[in-house]
Structure formats: C-alpha cells, structure tokens
Amino acid sequence: MGPFVVEFYETRDGQRPAEDFLDELDIKMRSKLVMTLKVLQEQGNRLREPYSKHLDDGIFAKKIDMSNAGPYDQGLNESFQTAFKDYFTGTVDEDTAKANFETAIKEKYPELTDVVWPA
C-alpha cells in the first residue's frame, strides 16, 4: 500500500470543519499537527499509536495527547467533542454546535459566564 492521502471531511454545503479548525489554531499547534499529518501520510497504515489509532476498516484517527491536561481542560475537551460531533457529521450547523458547547460547559462549570469564539 502506498502513502495515505489526507482528506478533510466536507459537509453538504461545502464547509470543511476540520480544516477550518486547523486554520484557527496558533502557529505552534498548527505546525505540530500538520507535521504529524505528514508523518501519517507518509507511513500510511503502518503508523500506530501514539500517532494514530485504528477506528474501523481502513479508518484511522489522529490521536491528541491530553495526558498533561488537568480535569478542567479534559472536561472542556470532552464537552467540545460531544457538541461538535453532530457538526462534523453534518447533522447541525456550526452555530448550533457552538451553542450546544456553550450550554454544556456552563452547566458543567457554572462559574463560566461567557464564551468568546475566534473571529
């Protein structure tokens, strides 16, 4: 098997949420993820943990190390993943996913009063 081709999921209306997410990251984090994607692209299905995890027949996911994150950060990450799952599958739009995330974290962390999204 040759090298993998990295493809970004595209919604029915042409949006590419994972690519948009990468574009919004600071340069250091984006560079780290892009480099890891290049390794994945070159190594294909030979690449294993800690870089990627086999999910299903021919489907691999990039793993993000959250071991240094505290319980608060992990809680936010879990809420984000839950809220955006429907967005990435095309069930809801981005604004709905953001609203779902905001509702979830304000219930989990009542001391949060405002969420500011990057422009």
PDB file of N, CA and C in Angstrom:
ATOM      1  N   MET A   1       0.842  -1.183   0.000  1.00  0.00           N
ATOM      2  CA  MET A   1       0.000   0.000   0.000  1.00  0.00           C
ATOM      3  C   MET A   1       0.880   1.236   0.000  1.00  0.00           C
ATOM      4  N   GLY A   2       0.558   2.212  -0.834  1.00  0.00           N
ATOM      5  CA  GLY A   2       1.323   3.442  -0.931  1.00  0.00           C
ATOM      6  C   GLY A   2       0.984   4.420   0.178  1.00  0.00           C
ATOM      7  N   PRO A   3       1.528   5.625   0.071  1.00  0.00           N
ATOM      8  CA  PRO A   3       1.267   6.627   1.102  1.00  0.00           C
ATOM      9  C   PRO A   3      -0.212   7.001   1.159  1.00  0.00           C
ATOM     10  N   PHE A   4      -0.640   7.426   2.333  1.00  0.00           N
ATOM     11  CA  PHE A   4      -2.027   7.854   2.521  1.00  0.00           C
ATOM     12  C   PHE A   4      -2.230   9.234   1.921  1.00  0.00           C
ATOM     13  N   VAL A   5      -3.447   9.494   1.523  1.00  0.00           N
ATOM     14  CA  VAL A   5      -3.854  10.829   1.126  1.00  0.00           C
ATOM     15  C   VAL A   5      -4.706  11.372   2.263  1.00  0.00           C
ATOM     16  N   VAL A   6      -4.305  12.497   2.811  1.00  0.00           N
ATOM     17  CA  VAL A   6      -5.066  13.111   3.898  1.00  0.00           C
ATOM     18  C   VAL A   6      -6.201  13.915   3.276  1.00  0.00           C
ATOM     19  N   GLU A   7      -7.415  13.553   3.625  1.00  0.00           N
ATOM     20  CA  GLU A   7      -8.592  14.248   3.113  1.00  0.00           C
ATOM     21  C   GLU A   7      -9.363  14.833   4.277  1.00  0.00           C
ATOM     22  N   PHE A   8      -9.883  16.026   4.099  1.00  0.00           N
ATOM     23  CA  PHE A   8     -10.694  16.662   5.121  1.00  0.00           C
ATOM     24  C   PHE A   8     -12.164  16.451   4.791  1.00  0.00           C
ATOM     25  N   TYR A   9     -12.924  16.088   5.809  1.00  0.00           N
ATOM     26  CA  TYR A   9     -14.362  15.918   5.656  1.00  0.00           C
ATOM     27  C   TYR A   9     -14.983  17.210   5.148  1.00  0.00           C
ATOM     28  N   GLU A  10     -15.901  17.085   4.213  1.00  0.00           N
ATOM     29  CA  GLU A  10     -16.608  18.250   3.669  1.00  0.00           C
ATOM     30  C   GLU A  10     -18.108  18.049   3.863  1.00  0.00           C
ATOM     31  N   THR A  11     -18.758  19.070   4.441  1.00  0.00           N
ATOM     32  CA  THR A  11     -20.200  18.998   4.669  1.00  0.00           C
ATOM     33  C   THR A  11     -20.935  19.158   3.345  1.00  0.00           C
ATOM     34  N   ARG A  12     -22.229  18.926   3.385  1.00  0.00           N
ATOM     35  CA  ARG A  12     -23.032  19.037   2.157  1.00  0.00           C
ATOM     36  C   ARG A  12     -22.976  20.432   1.548  1.00  0.00           C
ATOM     37  N   ASP A  13     -22.796  21.437   2.406  1.00  0.00           N
ATOM     38  CA  ASP A  13     -22.754  22.810   1.886  1.00  0.00           C
ATOM     39  C   ASP A  13     -21.326  23.287   1.589  1.00  0.00           C
ATOM     40  N   GLY A  14     -20.370  22.335   1.551  1.00  0.00           N
ATOM     41  CA  GLY A  14     -19.016  22.663   1.116  1.00  0.00           C
ATOM     42  C   GLY A  14     -18.069  23.120   2.207  1.00  0.00           C
ATOM     43  N   GLN A  15     -18.493  23.130   3.451  1.00  0.00           N
ATOM     44  CA  GLN A  15     -17.606  23.536   4.536  1.00  0.00           C
ATOM     45  C   GLN A  15     -16.692  22.377   4.919  1.00  0.00           C
ATOM     46  N   ARG A  16     -15.504  22.707   5.373  1.00  0.00           N
ATOM     47  CA  ARG A  16     -14.526  21.709   5.809  1.00  0.00           C
ATOM     48  C   ARG A  16     -14.139  22.014   7.250  1.00  0.00           C
ATOM     49  N   PRO A  17     -14.933  21.541   8.208  1.00  0.00           N
ATOM     50  CA  PRO A  17     -14.746  21.925   9.603  1.00  0.00           C
ATOM     51  C   PRO A  17     -13.385  21.573  10.196  1.00  0.00           C
ATOM     52  N   ALA A  18     -12.834  20.429   9.873  1.00  0.00           N
ATOM     53  CA  ALA A  18     -11.524  20.056  10.438  1.00  0.00           C
ATOM     54  C   ALA A  18     -10.439  20.986   9.903  1.00  0.00           C
ATOM     55  N   GLU A  19     -10.509  21.310   8.626  1.00  0.00           N
ATOM     56  CA  GLU A  19      -9.537  22.227   8.039  1.00  0.00           C
ATOM     57  C   GLU A  19      -9.708  23.622   8.639  1.00  0.00           C
ATOM     58  N   ASP A  20     -10.941  24.046   8.831  1.00  0.00           N
ATOM     59  CA  ASP A  20     -11.201  25.339   9.471  1.00  0.00           C
ATOM     60  C   ASP A  20     -10.627  25.369  10.880  1.00  0.00           C
ATOM     61  N   PHE A  21     -10.799  24.253  11.610  1.00  0.00           N
ATOM     62  CA  PHE A  21     -10.255  24.151  12.959  1.00  0.00           C
ATOM     63  C   PHE A  21      -8.742  24.325  12.938  1.00  0.00           C
ATOM     64  N   LEU A  22      -8.058  23.644  12.018  1.00  0.00           N
ATOM     65  CA  LEU A  22      -6.606  23.782  11.913  1.00  0.00           C
ATOM     66  C   LEU A  22      -6.210  25.220  11.621  1.00  0.00           C
ATOM     67  N   ASP A  23      -6.941  25.871  10.745  1.00  0.00           N
ATOM     68  CA  ASP A  23      -6.631  27.251  10.379  1.00  0.00           C
ATOM     69  C   ASP A  23      -6.751  28.207  11.557  1.00  0.00           C
ATOM     70  N   GLU A  24      -7.595  27.880  12.529  1.00  0.00           N
ATOM     71  CA  GLU A  24      -7.815  28.760  13.672  1.00  0.00           C
ATOM     72  C   GLU A  24      -6.810  28.541  14.801  1.00  0.00           C
ATOM     73  N   LEU A  25      -6.003  27.484  14.727  1.00  0.00           N
ATOM     74  CA  LEU A  25      -5.018  27.209  15.770  1.00  0.00           C
ATOM     75  C   LEU A  25      -3.859  28.192  15.700  1.00  0.00           C
ATOM     76  N   ASP A  26      -3.189  28.381  16.838  1.00  0.00           N
ATOM     77  CA  ASP A  26      -1.989  29.208  16.807  1.00  0.00           C
ATOM     78  C   ASP A  26      -0.925  28.467  15.990  1.00  0.00           C
ATOM     79  N   ILE A  27       0.055  29.196  15.524  1.00  0.00           N
ATOM     80  CA  ILE A  27       1.025  28.657  14.565  1.00  0.00           C
ATOM     81  C   ILE A  27       1.791  27.458  15.125  1.00  0.00           C
ATOM     82  N   LYS A  28       2.123  27.459  16.409  1.00  0.00           N
ATOM     83  CA  LYS A  28       2.878  26.347  17.001  1.00  0.00           C
ATOM     84  C   LYS A  28       2.065  25.051  16.983  1.00  0.00           C
ATOM     85  N   MET A  29       0.820  25.113  17.425  1.00  0.00           N
ATOM     86  CA  MET A  29      -0.019  23.923  17.466  1.00  0.00           C
ATOM     87  C   MET A  29      -0.356  23.444  16.058  1.00  0.00           C
ATOM     88  N   ARG A  30      -0.631  24.391  15.158  1.00  0.00           N
ATOM     89  CA  ARG A  30      -0.940  24.014  13.771  1.00  0.00           C
ATOM     90  C   ARG A  30       0.256  23.316  13.133  1.00  0.00           C
ATOM     91  N   SER A  31       1.454  23.837  13.356  1.00  0.00           N
ATOM     92  CA  SER A  31       2.657  23.221  12.792  1.00  0.00           C
ATOM     93  C   SER A  31       2.841  21.806  13.311  1.00  0.00           C
ATOM     94  N   LYS A  32       2.596  21.610  14.603  1.00  0.00           N
ATOM     95  CA  LYS A  32       2.737  20.279  15.202  1.00  0.00           C
ATOM     96  C   LYS A  32       1.746  19.296  14.575  1.00  0.00           C
ATOM     97  N   LEU A  33       0.509  19.714  14.420  1.00  0.00           N
ATOM     98  CA  LEU A  33      -0.498  18.825  13.836  1.00  0.00           C
ATOM     99  C   LEU A  33      -0.238  18.560  12.358  1.00  0.00           C
ATOM    100  N   VAL A  34       0.177  19.581  11.626  1.00  0.00           N
ATOM    101  CA  VAL A  34       0.460  19.396  10.197  1.00  0.00           C
ATOM    102  C   VAL A  34       1.641  18.440  10.020  1.00  0.00           C
ATOM    103  N   MET A  35       2.662  18.564  10.875  1.00  0.00           N
ATOM    104  CA  MET A  35       3.807  17.656  10.784  1.00  0.00           C
ATOM    105  C   MET A  35       3.369  16.220  11.073  1.00  0.00           C
ATOM    106  N   THR A  36       2.524  16.033  12.058  1.00  0.00           N
ATOM    107  CA  THR A  36       2.036  14.692  12.379  1.00  0.00           C
ATOM    108  C   THR A  36       1.197  14.135  11.232  1.00  0.00           C
ATOM    109  N   LEU A  37       0.386  14.983  10.596  1.00  0.00           N
ATOM    110  CA  LEU A  37      -0.392  14.527   9.442  1.00  0.00           C
ATOM    111  C   LEU A  37       0.518  14.110   8.293  1.00  0.00           C
ATOM    112  N   LYS A  38       1.640  14.817   8.124  1.00  0.00           N
ATOM    113  CA  LYS A  38       2.593  14.437   7.076  1.00  0.00           C
ATOM    114  C   LYS A  38       3.209  13.074   7.368  1.00  0.00           C
ATOM    115  N   VAL A  39       3.541  12.830   8.645  1.00  0.00           N
ATOM    116  CA  VAL A  39       4.076  11.517   9.022  1.00  0.00           C
ATOM    117  C   VAL A  39       3.035  10.446   8.743  1.00  0.00           C
ATOM    118  N   LEU A  40       1.781  10.711   9.095  1.00  0.00           N
ATOM    119  CA  LEU A  40       0.691   9.777   8.836  1.00  0.00           C
ATOM    120  C   LEU A  40       0.539   9.532   7.336  1.00  0.00           C
ATOM    121  N   GLN A  41       0.637  10.589   6.558  1.00  0.00           N
ATOM    122  CA  GLN A  41       0.507  10.471   5.111  1.00  0.00           C
ATOM    123  C   GLN A  41       1.622   9.594   4.539  1.00  0.00           C
ATOM    124  N   GLU A  42       2.842   9.772   5.039  1.00  0.00           N
ATOM    125  CA  GLU A  42       3.979   9.015   4.531  1.00  0.00           C
ATOM    126  C   GLU A  42       3.973   7.556   5.007  1.00  0.00           C
ATOM    127  N   GLN A  43       3.587   7.329   6.265  1.00  0.00           N
ATOM    128  CA  GLN A  43       3.652   5.995   6.854  1.00  0.00           C
ATOM    129  C   GLN A  43       2.401   5.161   6.598  1.00  0.00           C
ATOM    130  N   GLY A  44       1.299   5.810   6.271  1.00  0.00           N
ATOM    131  CA  GLY A  44       0.075   5.093   5.973  1.00  0.00           C
ATOM    132  C   GLY A  44      -0.393   4.226   7.119  1.00  0.00           C
ATOM    133  N   ASN A  45      -0.883   3.045   6.786  1.00  0.00           N
ATOM    134  CA  ASN A  45      -1.435   2.179   7.820  1.00  0.00           C
ATOM    135  C   ASN A  45      -0.367   1.472   8.651  1.00  0.00           C
ATOM    136  N   ARG A  46       0.882   1.754   8.393  1.00  0.00           N
ATOM    137  CA  ARG A  46       1.961   1.214   9.236  1.00  0.00           C
ATOM    138  C   ARG A  46       2.130   2.043  10.507  1.00  0.00           C
ATOM    139  N   LEU A  47       1.606   3.257  10.506  1.00  0.00           N
ATOM    140  CA  LEU A  47       1.742   4.149  11.652  1.00  0.00           C
ATOM    141  C   LEU A  47       0.750   3.760  12.743  1.00  0.00           C
ATOM    142  N   ARG A  48       1.235   3.597  13.941  1.00  0.00           N
ATOM    143  CA  ARG A  48       0.399   3.187  15.062  1.00  0.00           C
ATOM    144  C   ARG A  48       0.544   4.185  16.208  1.00  0.00           C
ATOM    145  N   GLU A  49      -0.070   3.819  17.312  1.00  0.00           N
ATOM    146  CA  GLU A  49      -0.005   4.680  18.487  1.00  0.00           C
ATOM    147  C   GLU A  49       1.455   4.942  18.840  1.00  0.00           C
ATOM    148  N   PRO A  50       1.799   6.118  19.255  1.00  0.00           N
ATOM    149  CA  PRO A  50       0.904   7.163  19.744  1.00  0.00           C
ATOM    150  C   PRO A  50       0.401   8.124  18.673  1.00  0.00           C
ATOM    151  N   TYR A  51       0.773   7.914  17.396  1.00  0.00           N
ATOM    152  CA  TYR A  51       0.389   8.868  16.362  1.00  0.00           C
ATOM    153  C   TYR A  51      -1.040   8.707  15.869  1.00  0.00           C
ATOM    154  N   SER A  52      -1.467   7.488  15.687  1.00  0.00           N
ATOM    155  CA  SER A  52      -2.815   7.291  15.166  1.00  0.00           C
ATOM    156  C   SER A  52      -3.437   6.059  15.795  1.00  0.00           C
ATOM    157  N   LYS A  53      -4.743   5.993  15.696  1.00  0.00           N
ATOM    158  CA  LYS A  53      -5.479   4.868  16.259  1.00  0.00           C
ATOM    159  C   LYS A  53      -6.414   4.323  15.187  1.00  0.00           C
ATOM    160  N   HIS A  54      -6.403   3.013  15.020  1.00  0.00           N
ATOM    161  CA  HIS A  54      -7.279   2.367  14.059  1.00  0.00           C
ATOM    162  C   HIS A  54      -8.699   2.365  14.613  1.00  0.00           C
ATOM    163  N   LEU A  55      -9.660   2.918  13.855  1.00  0.00           N
ATOM    164  CA  LEU A  55     -11.043   3.004  14.308  1.00  0.00           C
ATOM    165  C   LEU A  55     -11.933   1.944  13.679  1.00  0.00           C
ATOM    166  N   ASP A  56     -11.776   1.764  12.375  1.00  0.00           N
ATOM    167  CA  ASP A  56     -12.656   0.870  11.639  1.00  0.00           C
ATOM    168  C   ASP A  56     -11.916   0.445  10.383  1.00  0.00           C
ATOM    169  N   ASP A  57     -12.577  -0.296   9.543  1.00  0.00           N
ATOM    170  CA  ASP A  57     -11.983  -0.810   8.319  1.00  0.00           C
ATOM    171  C   ASP A  57     -11.354   0.310   7.498  1.00  0.00           C
ATOM    172  N   GLY A  58     -10.040   0.441   7.586  1.00  0.00           N
ATOM    173  CA  GLY A  58      -9.324   1.448   6.812  1.00  0.00           C
ATOM    174  C   GLY A  58      -9.437   2.863   7.334  1.00  0.00           C
ATOM    175  N   ILE A  59     -10.024   3.057   8.505  1.00  0.00           N
ATOM    176  CA  ILE A  59     -10.191   4.404   9.056  1.00  0.00           C
ATOM    177  C   ILE A  59      -9.294   4.552  10.280  1.00  0.00           C
ATOM    178  N   PHE A  60      -8.460   5.579  10.245  1.00  0.00           N
ATOM    179  CA  PHE A  60      -7.549   5.869  11.342  1.00  0.00           C
ATOM    180  C   PHE A  60      -7.811   7.292  11.818  1.00  0.00           C
ATOM    181  N   ALA A  61      -7.578   7.528  13.099  1.00  0.00           N
ATOM    182  CA  ALA A  61      -7.769   8.871  13.657  1.00  0.00           C
ATOM    183  C   ALA A  61      -6.469   9.347  14.269  1.00  0.00           C
ATOM    184  N   LYS A  62      -6.212  10.615  14.113  1.00  0.00           N
ATOM    185  CA  LYS A  62      -5.054  11.243  14.743  1.00  0.00           C
ATOM    186  C   LYS A  62      -5.335  11.359  16.225  1.00  0.00           C
ATOM    187  N   LYS A  63      -4.415  10.873  17.036  1.00  0.00           N
ATOM    188  CA  LYS A  63      -4.578  10.980  18.485  1.00  0.00           C
ATOM    189  C   LYS A  63      -3.955  12.282  18.971  1.00  0.00           C
ATOM    190  N   ILE A  64      -4.618  12.928  19.883  1.00  0.00           N
ATOM    191  CA  ILE A  64      -4.100  14.137  20.509  1.00  0.00           C
ATOM    192  C   ILE A  64      -3.835  13.810  21.966  1.00  0.00           C
ATOM    193  N   ASP A  65      -2.610  14.019  22.401  1.00  0.00           N
ATOM    194  CA  ASP A  65      -2.214  13.691  23.768  1.00  0.00           C
ATOM    195  C   ASP A  65      -2.806  14.692  24.743  1.00  0.00           C
ATOM    196  N   MET A  66      -3.690  14.197  25.609  1.00  0.00           N
ATOM    197  CA  MET A  66      -4.306  15.037  26.637  1.00  0.00           C
ATOM    198  C   MET A  66      -3.782  14.671  28.026  1.00  0.00           C
ATOM    199  N   SER A  67      -2.668  13.913  28.095  1.00  0.00           N
ATOM    200  CA  SER A  67      -2.195  13.421  29.384  1.00  0.00           C
ATOM    201  C   SER A  67      -1.738  14.538  30.311  1.00  0.00           C
ATOM    202  N   ASN A  68      -1.279  15.653  29.767  1.00  0.00           N
ATOM    203  CA  ASN A  68      -0.839  16.759  30.608  1.00  0.00           C
ATOM    204  C   ASN A  68      -1.969  17.720  30.958  1.00  0.00           C
ATOM    205  N   ALA A  69      -3.144  17.482  30.426  1.00  0.00           N
ATOM    206  CA  ALA A  69      -4.279  18.362  30.705  1.00  0.00           C
ATOM    207  C   ALA A  69      -4.890  17.993  32.052  1.00  0.00           C
ATOM    208  N   GLY A  70      -5.323  19.014  32.767  1.00  0.00           N
ATOM    209  CA  GLY A  70      -5.980  18.788  34.044  1.00  0.00           C
ATOM    210  C   GLY A  70      -7.438  18.421  33.839  1.00  0.00           C
ATOM    211  N   PRO A  71      -8.130  18.100  34.918  1.00  0.00           N
ATOM    212  CA  PRO A  71      -9.540  17.706  34.827  1.00  0.00           C
ATOM    213  C   PRO A  71     -10.418  18.784  34.178  1.00  0.00           C
ATOM    214  N   TYR A  72     -10.117  20.047  34.462  1.00  0.00           N
ATOM    215  CA  TYR A  72     -10.894  21.144  33.880  1.00  0.00           C
ATOM    216  C   TYR A  72     -10.762  21.146  32.355  1.00  0.00           C
ATOM    217  N   ASP A  73      -9.506  21.083  31.868  1.00  0.00           N
ATOM    218  CA  ASP A  73      -9.266  21.071  30.417  1.00  0.00           C
ATOM    219  C   ASP A  73      -9.860  19.836  29.767  1.00  0.00           C
ATOM    220  N   GLN A  74      -9.748  18.697  30.439  1.00  0.00           N
ATOM    221  CA  GLN A  74     -10.317  17.472  29.887  1.00  0.00           C
ATOM    222  C   GLN A  74     -11.839  17.566  29.805  1.00  0.00           C
ATOM    223  N   GLY A  75     -12.444  18.184  30.818  1.00  0.00           N
ATOM    224  CA  GLY A  75     -13.890  18.373  30.802  1.00  0.00           C
ATOM    225  C   GLY A  75     -14.327  19.271  29.653  1.00  0.00           C
ATOM    226  N   LEU A  76     -13.567  20.334  29.412  1.00  0.00           N
ATOM    227  CA  LEU A  76     -13.873  21.216  28.283  1.00  0.00           C
ATOM    228  C   LEU A  76     -13.699  20.481  26.959  1.00  0.00           C
ATOM    229  N   ASN A  77     -12.626  19.709  26.845  1.00  0.00           N
ATOM    230  CA  ASN A  77     -12.368  18.953  25.616  1.00  0.00           C
ATOM    231  C   ASN A  77     -13.482  17.954  25.338  1.00  0.00           C
ATOM    232  N   GLU A  78     -13.904  17.230  26.377  1.00  0.00           N
ATOM    233  CA  GLU A  78     -14.987  16.258  26.200  1.00  0.00           C
ATOM    234  C   GLU A  78     -16.285  16.951  25.777  1.00  0.00           C
ATOM    235  N   SER A  79     -16.570  18.087  26.392  1.00  0.00           N
ATOM    236  CA  SER A  79     -17.787  18.832  26.030  1.00  0.00           C
ATOM    237  C   SER A  79     -17.704  19.331  24.594  1.00  0.00           C
ATOM    238  N   PHE A  80     -16.516  19.776  24.179  1.00  0.00           N
ATOM    239  CA  PHE A  80     -16.322  20.251  22.814  1.00  0.00           C
ATOM    240  C   PHE A  80     -16.542  19.117  21.813  1.00  0.00           C
ATOM    241  N   GLN A  81     -15.932  17.968  22.087  1.00  0.00           N
ATOM    242  CA  GLN A  81     -16.075  16.827  21.182  1.00  0.00           C
ATOM    243  C   GLN A  81     -17.525  16.381  21.072  1.00  0.00           C
ATOM    244  N   THR A  82     -18.209  16.351  22.192  1.00  0.00           N
ATOM    245  CA  THR A  82     -19.617  15.948  22.184  1.00  0.00           C
ATOM    246  C   THR A  82     -20.457  16.930  21.386  1.00  0.00           C
ATOM    247  N   ALA A  83     -20.248  18.216  21.620  1.00  0.00           N
ATOM    248  CA  ALA A  83     -21.050  19.240  20.944  1.00  0.00           C
ATOM    249  C   ALA A  83     -20.779  19.295  19.444  1.00  0.00           C
ATOM    250  N   PHE A  84     -19.528  19.055  19.053  1.00  0.00           N
ATOM    251  CA  PHE A  84     -19.182  19.191  17.638  1.00  0.00           C
ATOM    252  C   PHE A  84     -19.295  17.896  16.844  1.00  0.00           C
ATOM    253  N   LYS A  85     -19.580  16.796  17.501  1.00  0.00           N
ATOM    254  CA  LYS A  85     -19.751  15.533  16.777  1.00  0.00           C
ATOM    255  C   LYS A  85     -20.857  15.670  15.721  1.00  0.00           C
ATOM    256  N   ASP A  86     -21.985  16.268  16.109  1.00  0.00           N
ATOM    257  CA  ASP A  86     -23.085  16.441  15.159  1.00  0.00           C
ATOM    258  C   ASP A  86     -22.709  17.386  14.022  1.00  0.00           C
ATOM    259  N   TYR A  87     -21.883  18.370  14.314  1.00  0.00           N
ATOM    260  CA  TYR A  87     -21.425  19.286  13.263  1.00  0.00           C
ATOM    261  C   TYR A  87     -20.548  18.549  12.251  1.00  0.00           C
ATOM    262  N   PHE A  88     -19.611  17.743  12.764  1.00  0.00           N
ATOM    263  CA  PHE A  88     -18.700  17.030  11.869  1.00  0.00           C
ATOM    264  C   PHE A  88     -19.409  15.960  11.047  1.00  0.00           C
ATOM    265  N   THR A  89     -20.537  15.475  11.521  1.00  0.00           N
ATOM    266  CA  THR A  89     -21.302  14.500  10.739  1.00  0.00           C
ATOM    267  C   THR A  89     -22.349  15.183   9.867  1.00  0.00           C
ATOM    268  N   GLY A  90     -22.444  16.501   9.953  1.00  0.00           N
ATOM    269  CA  GLY A  90     -23.370  17.246   9.103  1.00  0.00           C
ATOM    270  C   GLY A  90     -24.792  17.322   9.628  1.00  0.00           C
ATOM    271  N   THR A  91     -25.017  16.946  10.901  1.00  0.00           N
ATOM    272  CA  THR A  91     -26.362  16.952  11.465  1.00  0.00           C
ATOM    273  C   THR A  91     -26.811  18.340  11.881  1.00  0.00           C
ATOM    274  N   VAL A  92     -25.859  19.157  12.373  1.00  0.00           N
ATOM    275  CA  VAL A  92     -26.177  20.532  12.791  1.00  0.00           C
ATOM    276  C   VAL A  92     -25.171  21.482  12.155  1.00  0.00           C
ATOM    277  N   ASP A  93     -25.517  22.760  12.130  1.00  0.00           N
ATOM    278  CA  ASP A  93     -24.577  23.738  11.601  1.00  0.00           C
ATOM    279  C   ASP A  93     -23.612  24.191  12.700  1.00  0.00           C
ATOM    280  N   GLU A  94     -22.626  24.990  12.321  1.00  0.00           N
ATOM    281  CA  GLU A  94     -21.574  25.400  13.263  1.00  0.00           C
ATOM    282  C   GLU A  94     -22.141  26.210  14.425  1.00  0.00           C
ATOM    283  N   ASP A  95     -23.062  27.123  14.146  1.00  0.00           N
ATOM    284  CA  ASP A  95     -23.631  27.946  15.218  1.00  0.00           C
ATOM    285  C   ASP A  95     -24.364  27.098  16.247  1.00  0.00           C
ATOM    286  N   THR A  96     -25.081  26.083  15.802  1.00  0.00           N
ATOM    287  CA  THR A  96     -25.782  25.186  16.729  1.00  0.00           C
ATOM    288  C   THR A  96     -24.784  24.401  17.564  1.00  0.00           C
ATOM    289  N   ALA A  97     -23.719  23.910  16.939  1.00  0.00           N
ATOM    290  CA  ALA A  97     -22.690  23.172  17.683  1.00  0.00           C
ATOM    291  C   ALA A  97     -22.048  24.062  18.743  1.00  0.00           C
ATOM    292  N   LYS A  98     -21.763  25.311  18.370  1.00  0.00           N
ATOM    293  CA  LYS A  98     -21.184  26.247  19.340  1.00  0.00           C
ATOM    294  C   LYS A  98     -22.154  26.494  20.494  1.00  0.00           C
ATOM    295  N   ALA A  99     -23.409  26.693  20.176  1.00  0.00           N
ATOM    296  CA  ALA A  99     -24.411  26.929  21.219  1.00  0.00           C
ATOM    297  C   ALA A  99     -24.533  25.701  22.131  1.00  0.00           C
ATOM    298  N   ASN A 100     -24.506  24.507  21.561  1.00  0.00           N
ATOM    299  CA  ASN A 100     -24.565  23.278  22.361  1.00  0.00           C
ATOM    300  C   ASN A 100     -23.360  23.166  23.289  1.00  0.00           C
ATOM    301  N   PHE A 101     -22.183  23.531  22.781  1.00  0.00           N
ATOM    302  CA  PHE A 101     -20.968  23.517  23.598  1.00  0.00           C
ATOM    303  C   PHE A 101     -21.081  24.514  24.750  1.00  0.00           C
ATOM    304  N   GLU A 102     -21.514  25.724  24.434  1.00  0.00           N
ATOM    305  CA  GLU A 102     -21.647  26.748  25.465  1.00  0.00           C
ATOM    306  C   GLU A 102     -22.627  26.318  26.556  1.00  0.00           C
ATOM    307  N   THR A 103     -23.739  25.754  26.162  1.00  0.00           N
ATOM    308  CA  THR A 103     -24.719  25.272  27.144  1.00  0.00           C
ATOM    309  C   THR A 103     -24.114  24.187  28.027  1.00  0.00           C
ATOM    310  N   ALA A 104     -23.416  23.240  27.415  1.00  0.00           N
ATOM    311  CA  ALA A 104     -22.833  22.118  28.161  1.00  0.00           C
ATOM    312  C   ALA A 104     -21.786  22.590  29.169  1.00  0.00           C
ATOM    313  N   ILE A 105     -20.902  23.500  28.747  1.00  0.00           N
ATOM    314  CA  ILE A 105     -19.841  23.906  29.679  1.00  0.00           C
ATOM    315  C   ILE A 105     -20.364  24.833  30.772  1.00  0.00           C
ATOM    316  N   LYS A 106     -21.388  25.611  30.454  1.00  0.00           N
ATOM    317  CA  LYS A 106     -21.963  26.472  31.503  1.00  0.00           C
ATOM    318  C   LYS A 106     -22.712  25.649  32.542  1.00  0.00           C
ATOM    319  N   GLU A 107     -23.257  24.498  32.119  1.00  0.00           N
ATOM    320  CA  GLU A 107     -23.884  23.593  33.090  1.00  0.00           C
ATOM    321  C   GLU A 107     -22.811  22.882  33.917  1.00  0.00           C
ATOM    322  N   LYS A 108     -21.723  22.481  33.250  1.00  0.00           N
ATOM    323  CA  LYS A 108     -20.648  21.759  33.935  1.00  0.00           C
ATOM    324  C   LYS A 108     -19.826  22.689  34.818  1.00  0.00           C
ATOM    325  N   TYR A 109     -19.613  23.906  34.356  1.00  0.00           N
ATOM    326  CA  TYR A 109     -18.790  24.896  35.061  1.00  0.00           C
ATOM    327  C   TYR A 109     -19.592  26.188  35.191  1.00  0.00           C
ATOM    328  N   PRO A 110     -20.463  26.288  36.199  1.00  0.00           N
ATOM    329  CA  PRO A 110     -21.344  27.461  36.338  1.00  0.00           C
ATOM    330  C   PRO A 110     -20.598  28.780  36.513  1.00  0.00           C
ATOM    331  N   GLU A 111     -19.313  28.707  36.909  1.00  0.00           N
ATOM    332  CA  GLU A 111     -18.547  29.945  37.067  1.00  0.00           C
ATOM    333  C   GLU A 111     -18.215  30.594  35.722  1.00  0.00           C
ATOM    334  N   LEU A 112     -18.331  29.840  34.636  1.00  0.00           N
ATOM    335  CA  LEU A 112     -18.142  30.415  33.297  1.00  0.00           C
ATOM    336  C   LEU A 112     -19.377  31.225  32.928  1.00  0.00           C
ATOM    337  N   THR A 113     -19.160  32.443  32.575  1.00  0.00           N
ATOM    338  CA  THR A 113     -20.296  33.295  32.236  1.00  0.00           C
ATOM    339  C   THR A 113     -20.318  33.685  30.767  1.00  0.00           C
ATOM    340  N   ASP A 114     -19.177  33.532  30.074  1.00  0.00           N
ATOM    341  CA  ASP A 114     -19.131  33.969  28.687  1.00  0.00           C
ATOM    342  C   ASP A 114     -18.127  33.104  27.912  1.00  0.00           C
ATOM    343  N   VAL A 115     -18.446  32.850  26.667  1.00  0.00           N
ATOM    344  CA  VAL A 115     -17.556  32.123  25.763  1.00  0.00           C
ATOM    345  C   VAL A 115     -17.279  33.041  24.584  1.00  0.00           C
ATOM    346  N   VAL A 116     -15.997  33.247  24.279  1.00  0.00           N
ATOM    347  CA  VAL A 116     -15.606  34.108  23.163  1.00  0.00           C
ATOM    348  C   VAL A 116     -14.956  33.242  22.097  1.00  0.00           C
ATOM    349  N   TRP A 117     -15.543  33.219  20.917  1.00  0.00           N
ATOM    350  CA  TRP A 117     -15.025  32.426  19.808  1.00  0.00           C
ATOM    351  C   TRP A 117     -14.100  33.290  18.960  1.00  0.00           C
ATOM    352  N   PRO A 118     -13.048  32.693  18.372  1.00  0.00           N
ATOM    353  CA  PRO A 118     -12.167  33.480  17.485  1.00  0.00           C
ATOM    354  C   PRO A 118     -12.971  34.022  16.300  1.00  0.00           C
ATOM    355  N   ALA A 119     -12.575  35.188  15.863  1.00  0.00           N
ATOM    356  CA  ALA A 119     -13.270  35.824  14.725  1.00  0.00           C
ATOM    357  C   ALA A 119     -12.872  35.186  13.421  1.00  0.00           C
TER     358      ALA A 119
END
